[in-house]
Amino acid sequence: MLFEKNTSGKFASIIKKIGLSFLFALITTNVFAQADFPKQKPITFLVATGPGSSTDSIARIVAAKLTETLGWNVVVENKLGASGNIACVYVKRSNPDGYTILVHSVSFAINPSIYKNAGYDAIADFEAITLGASSPNVIGVNTSIPVNNLKELVEYGKKEKLSYSSSGIGTTTHLTIERFKNMTRSDFVHAPYQPAQAVGATVAGHTQISSTSMPPTIPFIRTGKLKGLAVTSAQRSSALPDVPTMAEQGFPEFDDTTWFGFFAAAKTPTEIINKLNAEINRAIETKDVKEKLTGLGLDTKSLSPTEFKQYVKAEVPKWAKAVKESGATAD
């Protein structure tokens, strides 16, 4: 009995030591993995929209800069579907190690309100990394449409059946027009497109009106292929200084912007989030990147992870209210 007792005690002691050793190894492995980030494997920027969209452009510009200056191997992958929800769910379920990063627009904050089940919670399921850029939206018309401002557009819409293309259901480009429709009692028919194709649809005459973010719209307005009627921000954009704001035309309630951000899965270590934040912000503020983004009509502003998280927290209820008031739905 004494032998059994001693043996049992020694066995328990051995098991305890093994357990502590395993726990120590696990902790140190995790610490080293964080310290070694991101050298273990390539980082993937998972873009929630298609090639050529504003979100895609930002992701590729930043990815190229990080690869160039830091030696990080950053690849860009487009994962389309359900206005970005497919990409959100994919990243939500990914390993929280910082190697899979969601790059999305303001639709990230809108979709949980406009879909009955978007598949994710914008706050609980993600770690906010940083704000990439932002811009006002632009309302334009096909050059064959005989209007030069928003009030003329409303009057023309009473005589002719008009449709508008947006960057997709639940985007600010969609909700802005829906609010404008309700306010003016207009009856424009919505035709959602992928962001990069929305403005092209209006230029080609498939729709008469376009409501899109600024980057894909600027070249068409500058070359006279699209008539710019209004920007949706409170102030005019330096990229399109001749296009008036909605407020200037009698609609002061509008100050809608499209922003683009970087997110990781919830529970990604703070050290990794901070490192990603610092390097992405640094890349965005470099002269050549800033010039490229400014050329696309985008404004940049570096935010800390905490600041960006608070920003997103404010955006979710703001757009939930807009969705409710507009009656817009994706289901």
C-alpha atoms as a PDB file:
ATOM      1  CA  MET A   1       0.000   0.000   0.000  1.00  0.00           C
ATOM      2  CA  LEU A   2       2.883   2.299   0.764  1.00  0.00           C
ATOM      3  CA  PHE A   3       4.448   1.489  -2.609  1.00  0.00           C
ATOM      4  CA  GLU A   4       1.170   2.202  -4.402  1.00  0.00           C
ATOM      5  CA  LYS A   5       0.788   5.478  -2.552  1.00  0.00           C
ATOM      6  CA  ASN A   6       4.304   6.617  -3.379  1.00  0.00           C
ATOM      7  CA  THR A   7       3.969   5.481  -6.995  1.00  0.00           C
ATOM      8  CA  SER A   8       0.681   7.346  -7.341  1.00  0.00           C
ATOM      9  CA  GLY A   9       2.236  10.505  -5.927  1.00  0.00           C
ATOM     10  CA  LYS A  10       5.233  10.292  -8.235  1.00  0.00           C
ATOM     11  CA  PHE A  11       2.939   9.675 -11.217  1.00  0.00           C
ATOM     12  CA  ALA A  12       0.799  12.705 -10.338  1.00  0.00           C
ATOM     13  CA  SER A  13       3.932  14.799  -9.986  1.00  0.00           C
ATOM     14  CA  ILE A  14       5.170  13.682 -13.403  1.00  0.00           C
ATOM     15  CA  ILE A  15       1.814  14.417 -15.010  1.00  0.00           C
ATOM     16  CA  LYS A  16       1.787  17.861 -13.393  1.00  0.00           C
ATOM     17  CA  LYS A  17       5.272  18.581 -14.710  1.00  0.00           C
ATOM     18  CA  ILE A  18       4.297  17.424 -18.213  1.00  0.00           C
ATOM     19  CA  GLY A  19       1.185  19.582 -18.083  1.00  0.00           C
ATOM     20  CA  LEU A  20       3.126  22.652 -17.001  1.00  0.00           C
ATOM     21  CA  SER A  21       5.767  21.996 -19.646  1.00  0.00           C
ATOM     22  CA  PHE A  22       3.101  21.685 -22.341  1.00  0.00           C
ATOM     23  CA  LEU A  23       1.417  24.879 -21.184  1.00  0.00           C
ATOM     24  CA  PHE A  24       4.763  26.710 -21.157  1.00  0.00           C
ATOM     25  CA  ALA A  25       5.559  25.427 -24.641  1.00  0.00           C
ATOM     26  CA  LEU A  26       2.143  26.528 -25.875  1.00  0.00           C
ATOM     27  CA  ILE A  27       2.534  30.015 -24.426  1.00  0.00           C
ATOM     28  CA  THR A  28       6.094  30.497 -25.687  1.00  0.00           C
ATOM     29  CA  THR A  29       5.168  29.166 -29.137  1.00  0.00           C
ATOM     30  CA  ASN A  30       2.323  31.684 -29.313  1.00  0.00           C
ATOM     31  CA  VAL A  31       4.580  34.512 -28.144  1.00  0.00           C
ATOM     32  CA  PHE A  32       7.260  33.620 -30.695  1.00  0.00           C
ATOM     33  CA  ALA A  33       4.609  33.327 -33.429  1.00  0.00           C
ATOM     34  CA  GLN A  34       3.398  36.822 -32.603  1.00  0.00           C
ATOM     35  CA  ALA A  35       6.931  38.207 -32.473  1.00  0.00           C
ATOM     36  CA  ASP A  36       7.755  36.535 -35.792  1.00  0.00           C
ATOM     37  CA  PHE A  37       4.613  37.879 -37.488  1.00  0.00           C
ATOM     38  CA  PRO A  38       4.284  38.095 -40.444  1.00  0.00           C
ATOM     39  CA  LYS A  39       7.197  35.924 -41.591  1.00  0.00           C
ATOM     40  CA  GLN A  40       5.548  32.522 -41.277  1.00  0.00           C
ATOM     41  CA  LYS A  41       3.371  32.743 -44.407  1.00  0.00           C
ATOM     42  CA  PRO A  42       1.846  35.320 -46.797  1.00  0.00           C
ATOM     43  CA  ILE A  43      -0.815  37.713 -45.570  1.00  0.00           C
ATOM     44  CA  THR A  44      -4.027  37.644 -47.568  1.00  0.00           C
ATOM     45  CA  PHE A  45      -6.107  40.770 -48.078  1.00  0.00           C
ATOM     46  CA  LEU A  46      -9.566  39.331 -48.690  1.00  0.00           C
ATOM     47  CA  VAL A  47     -11.508  41.939 -50.660  1.00  0.00           C
ATOM     48  CA  ALA A  48     -15.298  41.846 -50.300  1.00  0.00           C
ATOM     49  CA  THR A  49     -15.901  43.310 -53.784  1.00  0.00           C
ATOM     50  CA  GLY A  50     -14.720  42.649 -57.313  1.00  0.00           C
ATOM     51  CA  PRO A  51     -11.590  43.712 -59.209  1.00  0.00           C
ATOM     52  CA  GLY A  52     -11.640  47.365 -60.222  1.00  0.00           C
ATOM     53  CA  SER A  53     -13.816  48.470 -57.307  1.00  0.00           C
ATOM     54  CA  SER A  54     -12.654  51.194 -54.924  1.00  0.00           C
ATOM     55  CA  THR A  55     -12.151  48.614 -52.161  1.00  0.00           C
ATOM     56  CA  ASP A  56     -10.062  46.474 -54.479  1.00  0.00           C
ATOM     57  CA  SER A  57      -7.951  49.441 -55.606  1.00  0.00           C
ATOM     58  CA  ILE A  58      -7.122  50.408 -52.026  1.00  0.00           C
ATOM     59  CA  ALA A  59      -6.261  46.836 -51.074  1.00  0.00           C
ATOM     60  CA  ARG A  60      -3.913  46.410 -54.041  1.00  0.00           C
ATOM     61  CA  ILE A  61      -2.175  49.756 -53.547  1.00  0.00           C
ATOM     62  CA  VAL A  62      -1.533  49.039 -49.848  1.00  0.00           C
ATOM     63  CA  ALA A  63      -0.548  45.407 -50.480  1.00  0.00           C
ATOM     64  CA  ALA A  64       2.007  46.458 -53.083  1.00  0.00           C
ATOM     65  CA  LYS A  65       3.526  49.036 -50.744  1.00  0.00           C
ATOM     66  CA  LEU A  66       3.807  46.599 -47.816  1.00  0.00           C
ATOM     67  CA  THR A  67       5.415  44.003 -50.058  1.00  0.00           C
ATOM     68  CA  GLU A  68       7.852  46.582 -51.410  1.00  0.00           C
ATOM     69  CA  THR A  69       8.938  48.333 -48.227  1.00  0.00           C
ATOM     70  CA  LEU A  70       8.714  45.593 -45.618  1.00  0.00           C
ATOM     71  CA  GLY A  71       9.273  42.442 -47.580  1.00  0.00           C
ATOM     72  CA  TRP A  72       5.868  41.217 -46.471  1.00  0.00           C
ATOM     73  CA  ASN A  73       4.338  38.896 -49.005  1.00  0.00           C
ATOM     74  CA  VAL A  74       0.803  40.327 -49.212  1.00  0.00           C
ATOM     75  CA  VAL A  75      -1.589  38.788 -51.718  1.00  0.00           C
ATOM     76  CA  VAL A  76      -5.001  40.134 -52.698  1.00  0.00           C
ATOM     77  CA  GLU A  77      -7.967  37.823 -53.201  1.00  0.00           C
ATOM     78  CA  ASN A  78     -11.471  38.884 -54.215  1.00  0.00           C
ATOM     79  CA  LYS A  79     -14.310  36.936 -52.600  1.00  0.00           C
ATOM     80  CA  LEU A  80     -17.640  38.172 -53.915  1.00  0.00           C
ATOM     81  CA  GLY A  81     -21.182  37.363 -52.843  1.00  0.00           C
ATOM     82  CA  ALA A  82     -24.133  38.770 -50.895  1.00  0.00           C
ATOM     83  CA  SER A  83     -22.806  42.349 -50.999  1.00  0.00           C
ATOM     84  CA  GLY A  84     -19.667  41.325 -49.144  1.00  0.00           C
ATOM     85  CA  ASN A  85     -21.264  39.024 -46.569  1.00  0.00           C
ATOM     86  CA  ILE A  86     -19.501  35.946 -47.977  1.00  0.00           C
ATOM     87  CA  ALA A  87     -16.108  37.542 -47.389  1.00  0.00           C
ATOM     88  CA  CYS A  88     -17.116  38.701 -43.898  1.00  0.00           C
ATOM     89  CA  VAL A  89     -18.207  35.236 -42.813  1.00  0.00           C
ATOM     90  CA  TYR A  90     -15.045  33.710 -44.278  1.00  0.00           C
ATOM     91  CA  VAL A  91     -12.774  36.042 -42.312  1.00  0.00           C
ATOM     92  CA  LYS A  92     -14.941  35.721 -39.194  1.00  0.00           C
ATOM     93  CA  ARG A  93     -14.300  31.947 -39.273  1.00  0.00           C
ATOM     94  CA  SER A  94     -10.610  32.215 -40.165  1.00  0.00           C
ATOM     95  CA  ASN A  95      -7.763  31.518 -37.764  1.00  0.00           C
ATOM     96  CA  PRO A  96      -7.280  34.714 -35.674  1.00  0.00           C
ATOM     97  CA  ASP A  97      -3.570  34.948 -36.449  1.00  0.00           C
ATOM     98  CA  GLY A  98      -3.467  38.124 -38.558  1.00  0.00           C
ATOM     99  CA  TYR A  99      -2.777  36.352 -41.834  1.00  0.00           C
ATOM    100  CA  THR A 100      -6.302  36.775 -43.240  1.00  0.00           C
ATOM    101  CA  ILE A 101      -7.451  40.398 -43.383  1.00  0.00           C
ATOM    102  CA  LEU A 102     -10.857  41.604 -44.538  1.00  0.00           C
ATOM    103  CA  VAL A 103     -10.816  44.731 -46.710  1.00  0.00           C
ATOM    104  CA  HIS A 104     -14.338  46.112 -46.957  1.00  0.00           C
ATOM    105  CA  SER A 105     -16.312  49.299 -47.409  1.00  0.00           C
ATOM    106  CA  VAL A 106     -18.927  50.976 -45.231  1.00  0.00           C
ATOM    107  CA  SER A 107     -21.268  48.159 -46.329  1.00  0.00           C
ATOM    108  CA  PHE A 108     -19.557  46.169 -43.575  1.00  0.00           C
ATOM    109  CA  ALA A 109     -21.439  48.343 -41.039  1.00  0.00           C
ATOM    110  CA  ILE A 110     -24.679  48.458 -43.049  1.00  0.00           C
ATOM    111  CA  ASN A 111     -25.321  44.856 -44.052  1.00  0.00           C
ATOM    112  CA  PRO A 112     -26.300  43.550 -40.586  1.00  0.00           C
ATOM    113  CA  SER A 113     -29.250  45.984 -40.757  1.00  0.00           C
ATOM    114  CA  ILE A 114     -30.292  45.541 -44.356  1.00  0.00           C
ATOM    115  CA  TYR A 115     -30.109  41.727 -44.341  1.00  0.00           C
ATOM    116  CA  LYS A 116     -32.231  39.596 -42.018  1.00  0.00           C
ATOM    117  CA  ASN A 117     -29.161  37.455 -41.457  1.00  0.00           C
ATOM    118  CA  ALA A 118     -25.895  38.878 -42.739  1.00  0.00           C
ATOM    119  CA  GLY A 119     -24.028  36.082 -40.973  1.00  0.00           C
ATOM    120  CA  TYR A 120     -21.867  38.275 -38.764  1.00  0.00           C
ATOM    121  CA  ASP A 121     -21.819  40.955 -36.097  1.00  0.00           C
ATOM    122  CA  ALA A 122     -19.719  43.946 -37.195  1.00  0.00           C
ATOM    123  CA  ILE A 123     -18.496  44.600 -33.662  1.00  0.00           C
ATOM    124  CA  ALA A 124     -18.343  41.247 -31.869  1.00  0.00           C
ATOM    125  CA  ASP A 125     -16.902  39.119 -34.681  1.00  0.00           C
ATOM    126  CA  PHE A 126     -13.986  41.332 -35.747  1.00  0.00           C
ATOM    127  CA  GLU A 127     -11.012  43.319 -34.582  1.00  0.00           C
ATOM    128  CA  ALA A 128     -10.852  46.751 -36.215  1.00  0.00           C
ATOM    129  CA  ILE A 129      -7.379  47.440 -37.625  1.00  0.00           C
ATOM    130  CA  THR A 130      -7.541  50.803 -39.357  1.00  0.00           C
ATOM    131  CA  LEU A 131      -9.448  53.088 -41.698  1.00  0.00           C
ATOM    132  CA  GLY A 132      -7.963  52.875 -45.187  1.00  0.00           C
ATOM    133  CA  ALA A 133      -9.603  55.854 -46.888  1.00  0.00           C
ATOM    134  CA  SER A 134     -12.927  57.562 -47.449  1.00  0.00           C
ATOM    135  CA  SER A 135     -14.699  59.625 -50.089  1.00  0.00           C
ATOM    136  CA  PRO A 136     -18.053  61.185 -50.874  1.00  0.00           C
ATOM    137  CA  ASN A 137     -20.329  59.457 -53.353  1.00  0.00           C
ATOM    138  CA  VAL A 138     -21.234  60.992 -56.704  1.00  0.00           C
ATOM    139  CA  ILE A 139     -24.624  61.209 -58.385  1.00  0.00           C
ATOM    140  CA  GLY A 140     -24.314  61.392 -62.151  1.00  0.00           C
ATOM    141  CA  VAL A 141     -26.487  61.004 -65.240  1.00  0.00           C
ATOM    142  CA  ASN A 142     -26.023  59.782 -68.775  1.00  0.00           C
ATOM    143  CA  THR A 143     -25.076  62.700 -71.022  1.00  0.00           C
ATOM    144  CA  SER A 144     -28.275  62.261 -73.046  1.00  0.00           C
ATOM    145  CA  ILE A 145     -30.439  63.134 -70.034  1.00  0.00           C
ATOM    146  CA  PRO A 146     -31.448  66.836 -70.298  1.00  0.00           C
ATOM    147  CA  VAL A 147     -30.858  67.819 -66.673  1.00  0.00           C
ATOM    148  CA  ASN A 148     -28.089  69.777 -64.944  1.00  0.00           C
ATOM    149  CA  ASN A 149     -29.004  69.569 -61.251  1.00  0.00           C
ATOM    150  CA  LEU A 150     -30.962  67.475 -58.768  1.00  0.00           C
ATOM    151  CA  LYS A 151     -34.188  69.476 -58.917  1.00  0.00           C
ATOM    152  CA  GLU A 152     -34.262  69.164 -62.709  1.00  0.00           C
ATOM    153  CA  LEU A 153     -33.676  65.440 -62.288  1.00  0.00           C
ATOM    154  CA  VAL A 154     -36.708  65.150 -60.012  1.00  0.00           C
ATOM    155  CA  GLU A 155     -38.892  67.029 -62.496  1.00  0.00           C
ATOM    156  CA  TYR A 156     -37.616  64.965 -65.417  1.00  0.00           C
ATOM    157  CA  GLY A 157     -38.324  61.791 -63.454  1.00  0.00           C
ATOM    158  CA  LYS A 158     -41.997  62.747 -63.300  1.00  0.00           C
ATOM    159  CA  LYS A 159     -42.162  62.593 -67.100  1.00  0.00           C
ATOM    160  CA  GLU A 160     -39.849  59.683 -67.848  1.00  0.00           C
ATOM    161  CA  LYS A 161     -39.251  56.321 -66.178  1.00  0.00           C
ATOM    162  CA  LEU A 162     -35.707  56.456 -64.802  1.00  0.00           C
ATOM    163  CA  SER A 163     -33.475  53.819 -63.256  1.00  0.00           C
ATOM    164  CA  TYR A 164     -30.318  54.219 -61.233  1.00  0.00           C
ATOM    165  CA  SER A 165     -27.297  52.002 -60.798  1.00  0.00           C
ATOM    166  CA  SER A 166     -25.593  51.745 -57.432  1.00  0.00           C
ATOM    167  CA  SER A 167     -22.564  49.929 -56.062  1.00  0.00           C
ATOM    168  CA  GLY A 168     -24.846  47.268 -54.595  1.00  0.00           C
ATOM    169  CA  ILE A 169     -27.696  46.671 -52.196  1.00  0.00           C
ATOM    170  CA  GLY A 170     -27.039  48.171 -48.789  1.00  0.00           C
ATOM    171  CA  THR A 171     -24.219  50.465 -49.854  1.00  0.00           C
ATOM    172  CA  THR A 172     -24.305  54.164 -49.057  1.00  0.00           C
ATOM    173  CA  THR A 173     -24.696  54.738 -52.798  1.00  0.00           C
ATOM    174  CA  HIS A 174     -27.966  52.797 -52.620  1.00  0.00           C
ATOM    175  CA  LEU A 175     -29.264  54.269 -49.367  1.00  0.00           C
ATOM    176  CA  THR A 176     -28.524  57.866 -50.379  1.00  0.00           C
ATOM    177  CA  ILE A 177     -30.728  57.611 -53.463  1.00  0.00           C
ATOM    178  CA  GLU A 178     -33.467  55.789 -51.549  1.00  0.00           C
ATOM    179  CA  ARG A 179     -33.552  58.587 -48.977  1.00  0.00           C
ATOM    180  CA  PHE A 180     -33.526  61.151 -51.777  1.00  0.00           C
ATOM    181  CA  LYS A 181     -36.404  59.316 -53.483  1.00  0.00           C
ATOM    182  CA  ASN A 182     -38.502  59.374 -50.314  1.00  0.00           C
ATOM    183  CA  MET A 183     -37.762  63.025 -49.713  1.00  0.00           C
ATOM    184  CA  THR A 184     -38.690  64.104 -53.260  1.00  0.00           C
ATOM    185  CA  ARG A 185     -41.342  61.417 -53.850  1.00  0.00           C
ATOM    186  CA  SER A 186     -39.467  60.215 -56.901  1.00  0.00           C
ATOM    187  CA  ASP A 187     -39.797  56.764 -58.406  1.00  0.00           C
ATOM    188  CA  PHE A 188     -36.343  55.803 -59.680  1.00  0.00           C
ATOM    189  CA  VAL A 189     -35.901  52.045 -60.150  1.00  0.00           C
ATOM    190  CA  HIS A 190     -32.861  50.523 -58.457  1.00  0.00           C
ATOM    191  CA  ALA A 191     -30.407  48.431 -60.497  1.00  0.00           C
ATOM    192  CA  PRO A 192     -27.616  47.127 -58.227  1.00  0.00           C
ATOM    193  CA  TYR A 193     -24.246  46.358 -59.817  1.00  0.00           C
ATOM    194  CA  GLN A 194     -20.813  45.375 -58.680  1.00  0.00           C
ATOM    195  CA  PRO A 195     -19.068  48.654 -57.714  1.00  0.00           C
ATOM    196  CA  ALA A 196     -16.697  48.756 -60.678  1.00  0.00           C
ATOM    197  CA  GLN A 197     -19.537  48.227 -63.169  1.00  0.00           C
ATOM    198  CA  ALA A 198     -22.139  50.603 -61.711  1.00  0.00           C
ATOM    199  CA  VAL A 199     -20.951  53.802 -63.342  1.00  0.00           C
ATOM    200  CA  GLY A 200     -20.254  52.026 -66.634  1.00  0.00           C
ATOM    201  CA  ALA A 201     -23.887  50.946 -66.769  1.00  0.00           C
ATOM    202  CA  THR A 202     -24.993  54.580 -66.780  1.00  0.00           C
ATOM    203  CA  VAL A 203     -22.346  55.650 -69.295  1.00  0.00           C
ATOM    204  CA  ALA A 204     -23.553  52.856 -71.593  1.00  0.00           C
ATOM    205  CA  GLY A 205     -27.186  53.900 -71.156  1.00  0.00           C
ATOM    206  CA  HIS A 206     -28.373  50.778 -69.340  1.00  0.00           C
ATOM    207  CA  THR A 207     -29.449  53.084 -66.507  1.00  0.00           C
ATOM    208  CA  GLN A 208     -30.004  56.826 -66.633  1.00  0.00           C
ATOM    209  CA  ILE A 209     -28.595  57.695 -63.199  1.00  0.00           C
ATOM    210  CA  SER A 210     -25.557  56.470 -61.303  1.00  0.00           C
ATOM    211  CA  SER A 211     -24.817  56.683 -57.605  1.00  0.00           C
ATOM    212  CA  THR A 212     -21.318  55.411 -56.962  1.00  0.00           C
ATOM    213  CA  SER A 213     -18.190  56.061 -54.959  1.00  0.00           C
ATOM    214  CA  MET A 214     -15.774  58.564 -56.411  1.00  0.00           C
ATOM    215  CA  PRO A 215     -12.783  56.531 -57.716  1.00  0.00           C
ATOM    216  CA  PRO A 216     -14.473  54.776 -60.670  1.00  0.00           C
ATOM    217  CA  THR A 217     -16.573  57.855 -61.467  1.00  0.00           C
ATOM    218  CA  ILE A 218     -13.922  60.567 -61.756  1.00  0.00           C
ATOM    219  CA  PRO A 219     -12.478  59.534 -65.153  1.00  0.00           C
ATOM    220  CA  PHE A 220     -15.920  59.520 -66.804  1.00  0.00           C
ATOM    221  CA  ILE A 221     -16.851  62.958 -65.465  1.00  0.00           C
ATOM    222  CA  ARG A 222     -13.475  64.467 -66.365  1.00  0.00           C
ATOM    223  CA  THR A 223     -13.699  63.139 -69.929  1.00  0.00           C
ATOM    224  CA  GLY A 224     -17.310  64.281 -70.358  1.00  0.00           C
ATOM    225  CA  LYS A 225     -18.746  60.760 -70.656  1.00  0.00           C
ATOM    226  CA  LEU A 226     -20.880  61.255 -67.534  1.00  0.00           C
ATOM    227  CA  LYS A 227     -22.584  64.371 -66.221  1.00  0.00           C
ATOM    228  CA  GLY A 228     -21.864  64.903 -62.523  1.00  0.00           C
ATOM    229  CA  LEU A 229     -24.852  66.350 -60.680  1.00  0.00           C
ATOM    230  CA  ALA A 230     -23.835  66.200 -57.029  1.00  0.00           C
ATOM    231  CA  VAL A 231     -21.413  64.908 -54.426  1.00  0.00           C
ATOM    232  CA  THR A 232     -22.959  63.578 -51.229  1.00  0.00           C
ATOM    233  CA  SER A 233     -20.525  65.126 -48.731  1.00  0.00           C
ATOM    234  CA  ALA A 234     -21.034  68.351 -46.807  1.00  0.00           C
ATOM    235  CA  GLN A 235     -18.241  70.062 -48.768  1.00  0.00           C
ATOM    236  CA  ARG A 236     -17.218  69.875 -52.393  1.00  0.00           C
ATOM    237  CA  SER A 237     -14.470  67.454 -53.304  1.00  0.00           C
ATOM    238  CA  SER A 238     -11.104  68.755 -54.481  1.00  0.00           C
ATOM    239  CA  ALA A 239     -11.108  65.917 -57.007  1.00  0.00           C
ATOM    240  CA  LEU A 240     -14.312  67.245 -58.620  1.00  0.00           C
ATOM    241  CA  PRO A 241     -14.439  70.920 -57.614  1.00  0.00           C
ATOM    242  CA  ASP A 242     -17.069  71.833 -60.231  1.00  0.00           C
ATOM    243  CA  VAL A 243     -19.623  69.322 -58.953  1.00  0.00           C
ATOM    244  CA  PRO A 244     -21.857  70.902 -56.262  1.00  0.00           C
ATOM    245  CA  THR A 245     -22.933  69.207 -53.042  1.00  0.00           C
ATOM    246  CA  MET A 246     -26.474  68.028 -52.378  1.00  0.00           C
ATOM    247  CA  ALA A 247     -26.722  70.668 -49.638  1.00  0.00           C
ATOM    248  CA  GLU A 248     -25.956  73.432 -52.136  1.00  0.00           C
ATOM    249  CA  GLN A 249     -28.943  72.228 -54.151  1.00  0.00           C
ATOM    250  CA  GLY A 250     -31.411  72.358 -51.296  1.00  0.00           C
ATOM    251  CA  PHE A 251     -30.829  69.014 -49.567  1.00  0.00           C
ATOM    252  CA  PRO A 252     -28.781  69.777 -46.423  1.00  0.00           C
ATOM    253  CA  GLU A 253     -29.675  66.470 -44.747  1.00  0.00           C
ATOM    254  CA  PHE A 254     -27.061  64.621 -46.780  1.00  0.00           C
ATOM    255  CA  ASP A 255     -23.474  64.095 -45.704  1.00  0.00           C
ATOM    256  CA  ASP A 256     -22.903  60.523 -46.811  1.00  0.00           C
ATOM    257  CA  THR A 257     -19.448  59.087 -47.387  1.00  0.00           C
ATOM    258  CA  THR A 258     -18.085  55.726 -48.366  1.00  0.00           C
ATOM    259  CA  TRP A 259     -15.202  54.528 -46.213  1.00  0.00           C
ATOM    260  CA  PHE A 260     -12.895  51.551 -46.551  1.00  0.00           C
ATOM    261  CA  GLY A 261     -11.346  49.613 -43.699  1.00  0.00           C
ATOM    262  CA  PHE A 262      -9.181  46.680 -42.661  1.00  0.00           C
ATOM    263  CA  PHE A 263     -10.443  44.036 -40.205  1.00  0.00           C
ATOM    264  CA  ALA A 264      -9.219  40.784 -38.632  1.00  0.00           C
ATOM    265  CA  ALA A 265     -11.097  37.962 -36.962  1.00  0.00           C
ATOM    266  CA  ALA A 266     -12.074  38.468 -33.332  1.00  0.00           C
ATOM    267  CA  LYS A 267      -9.465  37.392 -30.766  1.00  0.00           C
ATOM    268  CA  THR A 268      -6.531  38.162 -33.064  1.00  0.00           C
ATOM    269  CA  PRO A 269      -3.731  39.063 -30.593  1.00  0.00           C
ATOM    270  CA  THR A 270      -3.463  42.756 -29.738  1.00  0.00           C
ATOM    271  CA  GLU A 271       0.239  42.794 -30.622  1.00  0.00           C
ATOM    272  CA  ILE A 272      -0.555  41.650 -34.165  1.00  0.00           C
ATOM    273  CA  ILE A 273      -3.424  44.134 -34.570  1.00  0.00           C
ATOM    274  CA  ASN A 274      -1.147  46.968 -33.423  1.00  0.00           C
ATOM    275  CA  LYS A 275       1.600  45.905 -35.824  1.00  0.00           C
ATOM    276  CA  LEU A 276      -0.808  45.707 -38.752  1.00  0.00           C
ATOM    277  CA  ASN A 277      -2.261  49.088 -37.807  1.00  0.00           C
ATOM    278  CA  ALA A 278       1.152  50.752 -37.648  1.00  0.00           C
ATOM    279  CA  GLU A 279       2.391  49.335 -40.943  1.00  0.00           C
ATOM    280  CA  ILE A 280      -0.825  49.885 -42.927  1.00  0.00           C
ATOM    281  CA  ASN A 281      -1.075  53.471 -41.651  1.00  0.00           C
ATOM    282  CA  ARG A 282       2.577  54.054 -42.523  1.00  0.00           C
ATOM    283  CA  ALA A 283       2.033  52.657 -46.027  1.00  0.00           C
ATOM    284  CA  ILE A 284      -1.041  54.832 -46.604  1.00  0.00           C
ATOM    285  CA  GLU A 285       0.814  57.971 -45.543  1.00  0.00           C
ATOM    286  CA  THR A 286       3.796  57.451 -47.867  1.00  0.00           C
ATOM    287  CA  LYS A 287       3.960  60.071 -50.594  1.00  0.00           C
ATOM    288  CA  ASP A 288       3.348  57.811 -53.590  1.00  0.00           C
ATOM    289  CA  VAL A 289       0.463  55.908 -51.998  1.00  0.00           C
ATOM    290  CA  LYS A 290      -1.162  59.105 -50.775  1.00  0.00           C
ATOM    291  CA  GLU A 291      -0.889  60.583 -54.275  1.00  0.00           C
ATOM    292  CA  LYS A 292      -2.506  57.497 -55.813  1.00  0.00           C
ATOM    293  CA  LEU A 293      -5.385  57.573 -53.349  1.00  0.00           C
ATOM    294  CA  THR A 294      -5.862  61.333 -53.707  1.00  0.00           C
ATOM    295  CA  GLY A 295      -5.924  60.873 -57.469  1.00  0.00           C
ATOM    296  CA  LEU A 296      -8.828  58.489 -56.979  1.00  0.00           C
ATOM    297  CA  GLY A 297     -10.703  61.121 -54.988  1.00  0.00           C
ATOM    298  CA  LEU A 298      -9.994  59.433 -51.655  1.00  0.00           C
ATOM    299  CA  ASP A 299      -9.105  61.113 -48.375  1.00  0.00           C
ATOM    300  CA  THR A 300      -6.833  59.381 -45.875  1.00  0.00           C
ATOM    301  CA  LYS A 301      -6.742  59.587 -42.097  1.00  0.00           C
ATOM    302  CA  SER A 302      -4.695  57.379 -39.783  1.00  0.00           C
ATOM    303  CA  LEU A 303      -6.649  55.931 -36.873  1.00  0.00           C
ATOM    304  CA  SER A 304      -5.547  53.657 -34.048  1.00  0.00           C
ATOM    305  CA  PRO A 305      -7.359  50.323 -33.637  1.00  0.00           C
ATOM    306  CA  THR A 306      -9.323  51.792 -30.715  1.00  0.00           C
ATOM    307  CA  GLU A 307     -10.282  54.912 -32.689  1.00  0.00           C
ATOM    308  CA  PHE A 308     -11.367  52.880 -35.690  1.00  0.00           C
ATOM    309  CA  LYS A 309     -13.387  50.517 -33.507  1.00  0.00           C
ATOM    310  CA  GLN A 310     -15.236  53.473 -31.991  1.00  0.00           C
ATOM    311  CA  TYR A 311     -15.789  54.873 -35.485  1.00  0.00           C
ATOM    312  CA  VAL A 312     -17.374  51.612 -36.649  1.00  0.00           C
ATOM    313  CA  LYS A 313     -19.477  51.438 -33.477  1.00  0.00           C
ATOM    314  CA  ALA A 314     -20.953  54.823 -34.377  1.00  0.00           C
ATOM    315  CA  GLU A 315     -21.507  53.891 -38.028  1.00  0.00           C
ATOM    316  CA  VAL A 316     -23.564  50.755 -37.309  1.00  0.00           C
ATOM    317  CA  PRO A 317     -26.520  52.534 -35.605  1.00  0.00           C
ATOM    318  CA  LYS A 318     -26.252  55.525 -37.959  1.00  0.00           C
ATOM    319  CA  TRP A 319     -26.834  53.375 -41.030  1.00  0.00           C
ATOM    320  CA  ALA A 320     -29.346  51.151 -39.235  1.00  0.00           C
ATOM    321  CA  LYS A 321     -31.451  54.294 -38.827  1.00  0.00           C
ATOM    322  CA  ALA A 322     -31.025  55.144 -42.521  1.00  0.00           C
ATOM    323  CA  VAL A 323     -32.055  51.636 -43.520  1.00  0.00           C
ATOM    324  CA  LYS A 324     -35.164  51.807 -41.368  1.00  0.00           C
ATOM    325  CA  GLU A 325     -36.184  55.241 -42.630  1.00  0.00           C
ATOM    326  CA  SER A 326     -35.630  54.326 -46.275  1.00  0.00           C
ATOM    327  CA  GLY A 327     -37.413  50.990 -46.042  1.00  0.00           C
ATOM    328  CA  ALA A 328     -34.578  49.438 -48.012  1.00  0.00           C
ATOM    329  CA  THR A 329     -34.034  45.683 -47.726  1.00  0.00           C
ATOM    330  CA  ALA A 330     -31.839  43.090 -49.341  1.00  0.00           C
ATOM    331  CA  ASP A 331     -34.207  40.166 -48.629  1.00  0.00           C
END
